Protein backbone atom coordinates (compact mmCIF):
# COMPACT_ATOMS: atom_id res chain seq x y z
CA MET A 1 95.57 92.10 115.56
CA CYS A 2 98.55 89.82 115.85
CA ALA A 3 99.30 87.43 118.68
CA GLU A 4 102.58 89.06 119.75
CA ALA A 5 102.15 90.14 123.36
CA VAL A 6 105.01 92.67 123.37
CA PRO A 7 104.26 95.61 121.03
CA LEU A 8 107.95 96.37 120.38
CA ARG A 9 108.37 92.96 118.76
CA CYS A 10 105.47 93.53 116.40
CA HIS A 11 104.57 95.56 113.34
CA ARG A 12 102.04 97.30 115.58
CA SER A 13 104.82 99.45 117.00
CA LEU A 14 105.57 100.86 113.53
CA ILE A 15 101.93 101.67 112.93
CA ALA A 16 101.55 103.13 116.42
CA ASP A 17 104.66 105.29 115.93
CA ALA A 18 103.29 106.68 112.65
CA LEU A 19 99.92 107.48 114.22
CA THR A 20 101.56 109.06 117.27
CA VAL A 21 103.67 111.34 115.06
CA LEU A 22 100.43 112.43 113.36
CA GLY A 23 99.08 113.43 116.78
CA ILE A 24 96.71 110.50 117.18
CA ARG A 25 96.49 109.01 120.68
CA VAL A 26 97.48 105.34 120.60
CA GLU A 27 97.28 102.81 123.40
CA ASP A 28 99.20 99.55 123.46
CA ILE A 29 96.88 96.74 124.57
CA MET A 30 98.81 94.63 127.03
CA SER A 31 95.94 92.38 128.13
CA LYS A 32 92.16 92.49 128.15
CA ASN A 33 92.35 94.53 131.37
CA ARG A 34 95.41 96.71 130.77
CA SER A 35 96.61 99.19 128.17
CA THR A 36 99.35 101.82 128.19
CA LEU A 37 99.80 105.03 126.25
CA HIS A 38 102.10 104.32 123.29
CA ARG A 39 105.54 105.91 123.44
CA LEU A 40 107.66 106.28 120.32
CA THR A 41 110.13 103.48 119.70
CA SER A 42 113.45 104.47 121.28
CA PHE A 43 115.44 104.19 118.03
CA GLY A 44 112.87 105.96 115.86
CA ARG A 45 113.66 109.51 114.77
CA VAL A 46 111.11 112.17 113.84
CA ARG A 47 112.09 114.65 111.12
CA HIS A 48 109.73 116.95 109.28
CA GLY A 49 106.69 115.18 110.70
CA ARG A 50 107.81 111.69 109.62
CA ILE A 51 109.34 108.88 111.61
CA THR A 52 112.36 106.97 110.34
CA TYR A 53 114.40 104.09 111.70
CA PRO A 54 118.12 103.39 111.27
CA ARG A 55 119.17 100.52 109.04
CA SER A 56 120.49 97.47 110.77
CA LYS A 57 124.16 96.69 110.21
CA GLY A 58 123.28 93.51 108.31
CA SER A 59 120.74 95.22 106.06
CA ARG A 60 121.02 94.42 102.37
CA LEU A 61 118.39 96.91 101.28
CA LEU A 62 119.31 99.02 98.31
CA SER A 63 118.25 102.58 97.72
CA SER A 64 115.64 103.06 95.01
CA ARG A 65 118.24 104.81 92.87
CA SER A 66 120.72 101.93 93.11
CA HIS A 67 117.95 99.39 92.48
CA ILE A 68 117.03 101.11 89.21
CA SER A 69 120.62 101.44 88.03
CA GLY A 70 121.62 97.96 89.19
CA LYS A 71 124.41 99.34 91.38
CA LYS A 72 124.82 98.89 95.12
CA GLY A 73 123.69 101.76 97.32
CA THR A 74 126.30 103.58 99.35
CA ALA A 75 124.83 102.35 102.64
CA GLY A 76 125.00 98.71 101.55
CA GLU A 77 128.39 98.65 99.86
CA GLU A 78 130.86 96.03 101.02
């Protein structure tokens, strides 16, 4: 468990989203006396039973194909 009090600012939201998509009930622990049912992250998209997230505009991630070939990916081209 991490110390971040707000689930959306934590890796827990990614894990909770994945479990929720699989049909597993997840509760976000807000304090020792309060929890709420997890709701999918607003910018997450579910397709074919998997959740994905859009790339940020400043992302420098390369696709696996471009990484292997040494070329920039189309999404990261400048």
